[in-house]
C-alpha atoms as a PDB file:
ATOM      1  CA  MET A   1       0.123  -0.152   0.155  1.00  0.00           C
ATOM      2  CA  LYS A   2       1.343   3.458  -1.019  1.00  0.00           C
ATOM      3  CA  GLU A   3       2.006   5.790   2.071  1.00  0.00           C
ATOM      4  CA  VAL A   4       0.299   9.354   1.768  1.00  0.00           C
ATOM      5  CA  ARG A   5       3.981  10.630   2.171  1.00  0.00           C
ATOM      6  CA  ASP A   6       5.252   8.941  -1.089  1.00  0.00           C
ATOM      7  CA  LYS A   7       6.087  11.893  -3.530  1.00  0.00           C
ATOM      8  CA  VAL A   8       4.062  11.727  -6.821  1.00  0.00           C
ATOM      9  CA  ASP A   9       5.111  13.092 -10.342  1.00  0.00           C
ATOM     10  CA  LEU A  10       2.685  15.568 -11.767  1.00  0.00           C
ATOM     11  CA  PRO A  11       1.188  14.781 -15.271  1.00  0.00           C
ATOM     12  CA  GLN A  12       1.805  17.237 -17.677  1.00  0.00           C
ATOM     13  CA  GLY A  13       0.041  20.419 -17.645  1.00  0.00           C
ATOM     14  CA  THR A  14      -1.111  19.800 -14.168  1.00  0.00           C
ATOM     15  CA  LEU A  15       1.503  22.795 -12.330  1.00  0.00           C
ATOM     16  CA  ASP A  16      -0.334  25.498 -13.891  1.00  0.00           C
ATOM     17  CA  LEU A  17      -3.827  24.238 -12.563  1.00  0.00           C
ATOM     18  CA  LEU A  18      -2.553  23.988  -9.029  1.00  0.00           C
ATOM     19  CA  ILE A  19      -0.675  27.012  -9.102  1.00  0.00           C
ATOM     20  CA  MET A  20      -4.142  28.922 -10.110  1.00  0.00           C
ATOM     21  CA  ARG A  21      -5.948  27.108  -7.270  1.00  0.00           C
ATOM     22  CA  VAL A  22      -3.246  28.195  -4.698  1.00  0.00           C
ATOM     23  CA  VAL A  23      -3.454  31.594  -5.809  1.00  0.00           C
ATOM     24  CA  ALA A  24      -7.067  31.862  -6.211  1.00  0.00           C
ATOM     25  CA  LEU A  25      -7.035  31.785  -2.280  1.00  0.00           C
ATOM     26  CA  GLY A  26      -5.392  35.230  -2.352  1.00  0.00           C
ATOM     27  CA  PRO A  27      -2.416  36.990  -3.233  1.00  0.00           C
ATOM     28  CA  ILE A  28       0.566  35.329  -2.453  1.00  0.00           C
ATOM     29  CA  HIS A  29       4.289  34.647  -3.327  1.00  0.00           C
ATOM     30  CA  GLY A  30       6.120  32.259  -5.022  1.00  0.00           C
ATOM     31  CA  TYR A  31       7.917  30.630  -2.386  1.00  0.00           C
ATOM     32  CA  ALA A  32       4.475  30.309  -0.582  1.00  0.00           C
ATOM     33  CA  ILE A  33       2.885  29.192  -3.468  1.00  0.00           C
ATOM     34  CA  ALA A  34       5.447  26.055  -3.306  1.00  0.00           C
ATOM     35  CA  GLN A  35       5.074  25.540   0.034  1.00  0.00           C
ATOM     36  CA  ARG A  36       1.128  25.615   0.011  1.00  0.00           C
ATOM     37  CA  ILE A  37       0.963  23.072  -2.898  1.00  0.00           C
ATOM     38  CA  GLN A  38       3.391  20.917  -0.638  1.00  0.00           C
ATOM     39  CA  GLN A  39       1.114  21.097   2.497  1.00  0.00           C
ATOM     40  CA  MET A  40      -2.101  20.951   0.589  1.00  0.00           C
ATOM     41  CA  SER A  41      -0.800  17.607  -0.819  1.00  0.00           C
ATOM     42  CA  ARG A  42       0.211  16.360   2.742  1.00  0.00           C
ATOM     43  CA  GLU A  43       3.685  16.475   1.652  1.00  0.00           C
ATOM     44  CA  ALA A  44       3.481  14.408  -1.781  1.00  0.00           C
ATOM     45  CA  LEU A  45       4.090  17.248  -3.921  1.00  0.00           C
ATOM     46  CA  GLN A  46       7.145  19.158  -3.887  1.00  0.00           C
ATOM     47  CA  VAL A  47       7.382  22.154  -6.602  1.00  0.00           C
ATOM     48  CA  GLN A  48      11.084  23.021  -7.448  1.00  0.00           C
ATOM     49  CA  GLN A  49      11.777  26.356  -8.326  1.00  0.00           C
ATOM     50  CA  GLY A  50      12.996  25.145 -11.637  1.00  0.00           C
ATOM     51  CA  SER A  51       9.488  24.388 -12.326  1.00  0.00           C
ATOM     52  CA  LEU A  52       7.680  27.015 -10.316  1.00  0.00           C
ATOM     53  CA  TYR A  53       9.100  30.383 -11.637  1.00  0.00           C
ATOM     54  CA  PRO A  54       8.727  29.363 -15.516  1.00  0.00           C
ATOM     55  CA  ALA A  55       5.170  28.649 -14.608  1.00  0.00           C
ATOM     56  CA  LEU A  56       4.623  31.945 -12.921  1.00  0.00           C
ATOM     57  CA  HIS A  57       5.961  33.654 -15.938  1.00  0.00           C
ATOM     58  CA  ARG A  58       3.856  31.600 -18.393  1.00  0.00           C
ATOM     59  CA  LEU A  59       0.468  32.094 -16.689  1.00  0.00           C
ATOM     60  CA  GLU A  60       1.449  35.956 -15.923  1.00  0.00           C
ATOM     61  CA  TYR A  61       2.247  35.853 -19.476  1.00  0.00           C
ATOM     62  CA  ARG A  62      -1.050  34.517 -20.698  1.00  0.00           C
ATOM     63  CA  LYS A  63      -2.854  37.210 -18.496  1.00  0.00           C
ATOM     64  CA  LEU A  64      -4.252  34.596 -16.266  1.00  0.00           C
ATOM     65  CA  LEU A  65      -2.092  36.043 -13.190  1.00  0.00           C
ATOM     66  CA  THR A  66      -1.145  39.409 -12.398  1.00  0.00           C
ATOM     67  CA  ALA A  67       1.558  40.288 -10.091  1.00  0.00           C
ATOM     68  CA  ASN A  68       3.327  43.037  -8.010  1.00  0.00           C
ATOM     69  CA  TRP A  69       5.976  43.901  -5.598  1.00  0.00           C
ATOM     70  CA  GLN A  70       5.199  44.123  -2.010  1.00  0.00           C
ATOM     71  CA  PRO A  71       6.654  43.649   1.353  1.00  0.00           C
ATOM     72  CA  SER A  72       6.449  40.053   2.429  1.00  0.00           C
ATOM     73  CA  ASP A  73       6.328  38.829   5.816  1.00  0.00           C
ATOM     74  CA  THR A  74      10.091  38.705   6.032  1.00  0.00           C
ATOM     75  CA  GLY A  75       9.935  42.684   5.409  1.00  0.00           C
ATOM     76  CA  ARG A  76      11.963  41.757   1.923  1.00  0.00           C
ATOM     77  CA  GLU A  77      10.158  43.252  -1.416  1.00  0.00           C
ATOM     78  CA  ALA A  78       8.885  39.889  -3.071  1.00  0.00           C
ATOM     79  CA  LYS A  79       6.403  39.383  -6.237  1.00  0.00           C
ATOM     80  CA  PHE A  80       2.797  38.564  -5.388  1.00  0.00           C
ATOM     81  CA  TYR A  81       0.363  37.140  -7.672  1.00  0.00           C
ATOM     82  CA  GLU A  82      -3.143  37.391  -7.840  1.00  0.00           C
ATOM     83  CA  LEU A  83      -5.731  35.473 -10.439  1.00  0.00           C
ATOM     84  CA  THR A  84      -7.327  37.935 -12.907  1.00  0.00           C
ATOM     85  CA  ALA A  85     -10.510  37.407 -13.851  1.00  0.00           C
ATOM     86  CA  LYS A  86      -9.612  35.458 -17.077  1.00  0.00           C
ATOM     87  CA  GLY A  87      -7.594  33.573 -14.885  1.00  0.00           C
ATOM     88  CA  ARG A  88     -10.771  32.610 -12.798  1.00  0.00           C
ATOM     89  CA  ALA A  89     -12.645  31.761 -15.371  1.00  0.00           C
ATOM     90  CA  HIS A  90      -9.853  29.611 -16.901  1.00  0.00           C
ATOM     91  CA  LEU A  91      -9.426  27.902 -13.341  1.00  0.00           C
ATOM     92  CA  GLN A  92     -12.952  26.824 -13.199  1.00  0.00           C
ATOM     93  CA  SER A  93     -13.056  25.500 -16.915  1.00  0.00           C
ATOM     94  CA  GLU A  94      -9.729  23.531 -16.204  1.00  0.00           C
ATOM     95  CA  THR A  95     -11.218  22.333 -12.597  1.00  0.00           C
ATOM     96  CA  GLU A  96     -14.327  21.039 -14.322  1.00  0.00           C
ATOM     97  CA  ASP A  97     -12.371  19.626 -17.048  1.00  0.00           C
ATOM     98  CA  TRP A  98     -10.001  17.648 -14.410  1.00  0.00           C
ATOM     99  CA  LYS A  99     -12.912  16.159 -12.670  1.00  0.00           C
ATOM    100  CA  ARG A 100     -14.227  14.815 -15.791  1.00  0.00           C
ATOM    101  CA  LEU A 101     -11.280  13.454 -16.730  1.00  0.00           C
ATOM    102  CA  THR A 102     -10.629  12.066 -13.391  1.00  0.00           C
ATOM    103  CA  ASP A 103     -14.202  10.060 -13.099  1.00  0.00           C
ATOM    104  CA  VAL A 104     -13.783   8.439 -16.787  1.00  0.00           C
ATOM    105  CA  VAL A 105     -10.223   7.252 -15.714  1.00  0.00           C
ATOM    106  CA  GLY A 106     -12.369   6.216 -12.223  1.00  0.00           C
ATOM    107  CA  LEU A 107     -14.779   4.000 -14.557  1.00  0.00           C
ATOM    108  CA  ILE A 108     -11.981   2.797 -16.428  1.00  0.00           C
ATOM    109  CA  LEU A 109      -9.876   1.962 -13.324  1.00  0.00           C
ATOM    110  CA  ARG A 110     -13.183   0.461 -11.286  1.00  0.00           C
ATOM    111  CA  GLY A 111     -14.503  -1.322 -14.459  1.00  0.00           C
ATOM    112  CA  THR A 112     -14.338  -5.334 -15.250  1.00  0.00           C
ATOM    113  CA  MET A 113     -13.980  -7.127 -18.325  1.00  0.00           C
ATOM    114  CA  GLU A 114     -17.804  -8.189 -17.883  1.00  0.00           C
ATOM    115  CA  GLY A 115     -19.894  -7.707 -21.017  1.00  0.00           C
ATOM    116  CA  LEU A 116     -17.074  -7.436 -23.382  1.00  0.00           C
ATOM    117  CA  SER A 117     -16.478  -9.641 -26.078  1.00  0.00           C
END
């Protein structure tokens, strides 16, 4: 049986969705996004800086996120990200798509060979 703390590899394209979900909770800086994903996944996902920051720049370029510099908890300036209206609509659409996909994959994984010729 797989333990909750086992690390999981993200399927292609999933990181953007997870980032947007975390940012939807409120303005947050990059390092805190990585920490929140790790916490919410019960330590199963660890997002490396080499993946996180290119994804943030990509989402910002696509106008799904906006960013501005603000003082962080440490007093140092950090870039805080927020979802745009376009980002919220995209997050909702992508979330619905993922739910449909996981439902279909679940049907197949739970299915049996009965009734198949």
